[in-house]
C-alpha cells in the first residue's frame, strides 16, 4: 500500500478557497491604508482638512491639538483627517458654532470611511453614516461611529474635552 500523501481535487479546491478567504479578510481589516482619500467625496474633504491644520500641527489654549478650522467644514458635513496620534477621524460641524468628531473606522469591518457631503461612506461594504452625528444610515455597520472628544476654541476644532 502506498503511504505517500496524495492531493485530491477536494484538497486543492479547499486550499484555494481558504487562501481567497484570507485575502478578503485582510482587505477588509486593513482598510485604513488603501481606502482613505480615494473615494469620490474624499477630494473636497481632504483639501479642507489639510488647509485647516494637519493633526497636531498646533495646539490651542486648552492644550489640545488643532484638528481643523470650523469655517472649513460646511454645516452638516464632516472631513476626514488625523488626530495627534495619527489615527483617522471625522471632524464634523453639526451646527454653525459646534463641532463633533468620530473615529473614521467603520464599525462593520474596520475600513476607513470617506466624506461625501452630509454622509460618510464605507468603500468596503457600502455602510453609510450621518456626517454630523456618526449614526448609521445604511448597514451592514452594526453601530454608530465611535465618538471622539473635541471642542471649539477661537474658530478652531481642538482635540479633547473643553
Protein backbone atom coordinates (compact mmCIF):
# COMPACT_ATOMS: atom_id res chain seq x y z
CA UNK A 1 0.00 0.00 0.00
CA UNK A 2 1.33 3.45 -0.93
CA UNK A 3 1.68 5.72 2.14
CA UNK A 4 2.70 8.91 0.30
CA UNK A 5 0.23 11.83 0.57
CA UNK A 6 -1.98 12.42 -2.45
CA UNK A 7 -3.57 15.72 -3.27
CA UNK A 8 -7.12 15.30 -4.41
CA UNK A 9 -9.22 17.80 -6.27
CA UNK A 10 -11.10 18.41 -3.00
CA UNK A 11 -7.85 19.36 -1.21
CA UNK A 12 -6.91 21.79 -3.98
CA UNK A 13 -10.34 23.46 -4.02
CA UNK A 14 -10.42 23.76 -0.22
CA UNK A 15 -6.90 25.20 -0.15
CA UNK A 16 -7.71 27.76 -2.85
CA UNK A 17 -10.91 28.76 -1.04
CA UNK A 18 -9.05 29.24 2.25
CA UNK A 19 -6.44 31.39 0.52
CA UNK A 20 -9.08 33.58 -1.13
CA UNK A 21 -10.88 33.95 2.20
CA UNK A 22 -7.67 35.06 3.92
CA UNK A 23 -7.04 37.68 1.21
CA UNK A 24 -10.62 39.01 1.53
CA UNK A 25 -10.33 39.19 5.31
CA UNK A 26 -7.03 41.05 5.11
CA UNK A 27 -8.53 43.54 2.64
CA UNK A 28 -11.44 44.27 4.99
CA UNK A 29 -9.46 44.54 8.18
CA UNK A 30 -6.68 46.66 6.71
CA UNK A 31 -8.95 49.34 5.23
CA UNK A 32 -7.16 52.23 6.88
CA UNK A 33 -4.31 52.12 4.38
CA UNK A 34 -5.89 51.80 0.98
CA UNK A 35 -9.30 53.40 1.14
CA UNK A 36 -8.67 56.81 2.65
CA UNK A 37 -8.58 59.68 0.23
CA UNK A 38 -9.50 57.62 -2.80
CA UNK A 39 -13.29 57.97 -2.70
CA UNK A 40 -15.22 60.46 -4.80
CA UNK A 41 -16.10 62.61 -1.81
CA UNK A 42 -12.65 62.49 -0.26
CA UNK A 43 -11.07 65.08 -2.54
CA UNK A 44 -13.05 68.02 -1.24
CA UNK A 45 -12.80 66.93 2.39
CA UNK A 46 -9.10 66.20 2.39
CA UNK A 47 -8.41 69.59 0.83
CA UNK A 48 -10.35 71.27 3.62
CA UNK A 49 -8.66 69.25 6.33
CA UNK A 50 -5.13 69.78 5.09
CA UNK A 51 -5.55 73.53 4.87
CA UNK A 52 -7.04 73.60 8.34
CA UNK A 53 -4.03 72.19 10.11
CA UNK A 54 -2.65 68.72 9.88
CA UNK A 55 -3.42 66.95 13.09
CA UNK A 56 -1.22 68.04 15.87
CA UNK A 57 0.43 70.85 13.90
CA UNK A 58 -0.67 73.35 16.50
CA UNK A 59 -2.08 73.49 19.97
CA UNK A 60 -4.88 75.58 21.34
CA UNK A 61 -5.11 77.41 24.65
CA UNK A 62 -6.53 74.27 26.28
CA UNK A 63 -3.52 72.21 25.18
CA UNK A 64 -5.37 70.08 22.62
CA UNK A 65 -4.22 69.62 19.03
CA UNK A 66 -5.88 71.79 16.38
CA UNK A 67 -7.68 69.40 14.03
CA UNK A 68 -9.46 71.76 11.62
CA UNK A 69 -10.81 75.26 11.19
CA UNK A 70 -14.55 75.30 11.82
CA UNK A 71 -15.02 77.64 8.83
CA UNK A 72 -13.53 74.99 6.50
CA UNK A 73 -16.30 72.49 7.31
CA UNK A 74 -19.75 73.22 5.82
CA UNK A 75 -22.61 72.91 8.33
CA UNK A 76 -24.00 69.36 8.40
CA UNK A 77 -20.88 67.77 6.89
CA UNK A 78 -17.57 66.39 8.07
CA UNK A 79 -13.99 65.99 6.90
CA UNK A 80 -11.68 63.04 7.37
CA UNK A 81 -8.33 63.94 8.92
CA UNK A 82 -5.88 62.57 11.50
CA UNK A 83 -5.70 63.21 15.23
CA UNK A 84 -2.46 63.99 17.09
CA UNK A 85 -1.67 60.27 17.33
CA UNK A 86 -2.16 59.74 13.59
CA UNK A 87 -5.50 57.92 13.84
CA UNK A 88 -8.04 58.71 11.11
CA UNK A 89 -11.02 60.69 12.46
CA UNK A 90 -14.01 62.59 11.10
CA UNK A 91 -14.35 66.18 12.26
CA UNK A 92 -17.95 67.34 11.76
CA UNK A 93 -19.88 70.59 12.06
CA UNK A 94 -23.45 69.74 13.18
CA UNK A 95 -24.43 73.43 13.58
CA UNK A 96 -22.78 76.76 12.73
CA UNK A 97 -20.96 77.07 16.06
CA UNK A 98 -20.44 73.45 17.15
CA UNK A 99 -18.12 70.61 16.26
CA UNK A 100 -18.16 66.87 16.81
CA UNK A 101 -15.70 64.12 15.96
CA UNK A 102 -15.83 60.39 15.38
CA UNK A 103 -13.44 57.60 14.58
CA UNK A 104 -13.21 57.22 10.78
CA UNK A 105 -13.09 53.44 11.20
CA UNK A 106 -16.26 51.64 10.09
CA UNK A 107 -17.85 49.59 12.87
CA UNK A 108 -18.56 46.76 10.44
CA UNK A 109 -15.13 45.51 9.35
CA UNK A 110 -12.68 48.29 10.16
CA UNK A 111 -12.33 50.08 6.81
CA UNK A 112 -11.78 53.85 6.71
CA UNK A 113 -14.84 55.88 5.77
CA UNK A 114 -14.73 58.76 3.29
CA UNK A 115 -16.60 62.05 3.49
CA UNK A 116 -19.36 62.53 0.92
CA UNK A 117 -21.30 65.68 1.81
CA UNK A 118 -23.78 65.06 4.60
CA UNK A 119 -22.84 61.40 4.84
CA UNK A 120 -19.79 59.22 5.32
CA UNK A 121 -19.36 56.22 3.06
CA UNK A 122 -17.52 52.98 3.76
CA UNK A 123 -15.97 51.92 0.45
CA UNK A 124 -15.58 48.28 1.52
CA UNK A 125 -19.16 47.10 2.09
CA UNK A 126 -21.41 50.11 1.50
CA UNK A 127 -22.21 51.22 5.04
CA UNK A 128 -23.22 54.86 5.32
CA UNK A 129 -23.15 57.18 8.33
CA UNK A 130 -24.58 60.62 9.07
CA UNK A 131 -21.60 63.01 8.81
CA UNK A 132 -22.83 65.29 11.61
CA UNK A 133 -23.76 62.60 14.16
CA UNK A 134 -21.91 59.40 13.20
CA UNK A 135 -25.23 57.48 13.23
CA UNK A 136 -25.69 54.53 10.87
CA UNK A 137 -27.79 55.45 7.82
CA UNK A 138 -27.33 52.14 5.98
CA UNK A 139 -25.71 48.88 7.08
CA UNK A 140 -24.13 46.44 7.31
CA UNK A 141 -22.47 48.56 10.03
CA UNK A 142 -23.99 47.45 13.36
CA UNK A 143 -23.18 50.55 15.45
CA UNK A 144 -22.55 54.28 15.00
CA UNK A 145 -19.00 55.58 14.67
CA UNK A 146 -17.19 55.94 18.00
CA UNK A 147 -17.27 59.49 19.38
CA UNK A 148 -14.03 61.43 19.87
CA UNK A 149 -13.90 64.39 22.29
CA UNK A 150 -13.38 67.80 20.64
CA UNK A 151 -14.30 71.41 21.33
CA UNK A 152 -14.09 74.76 19.56
CA UNK A 153 -11.54 77.43 20.55
CA UNK A 154 -11.28 80.65 18.54
CA UNK A 155 -12.91 79.06 15.49
CA UNK A 156 -10.62 76.00 15.53
CA UNK A 157 -11.71 72.43 16.29
CA UNK A 158 -9.42 71.18 19.04
CA UNK A 159 -8.94 67.67 20.40
CA UNK A 160 -10.08 66.82 23.93
CA UNK A 161 -12.95 67.90 26.14
CA UNK A 162 -13.49 71.61 26.83
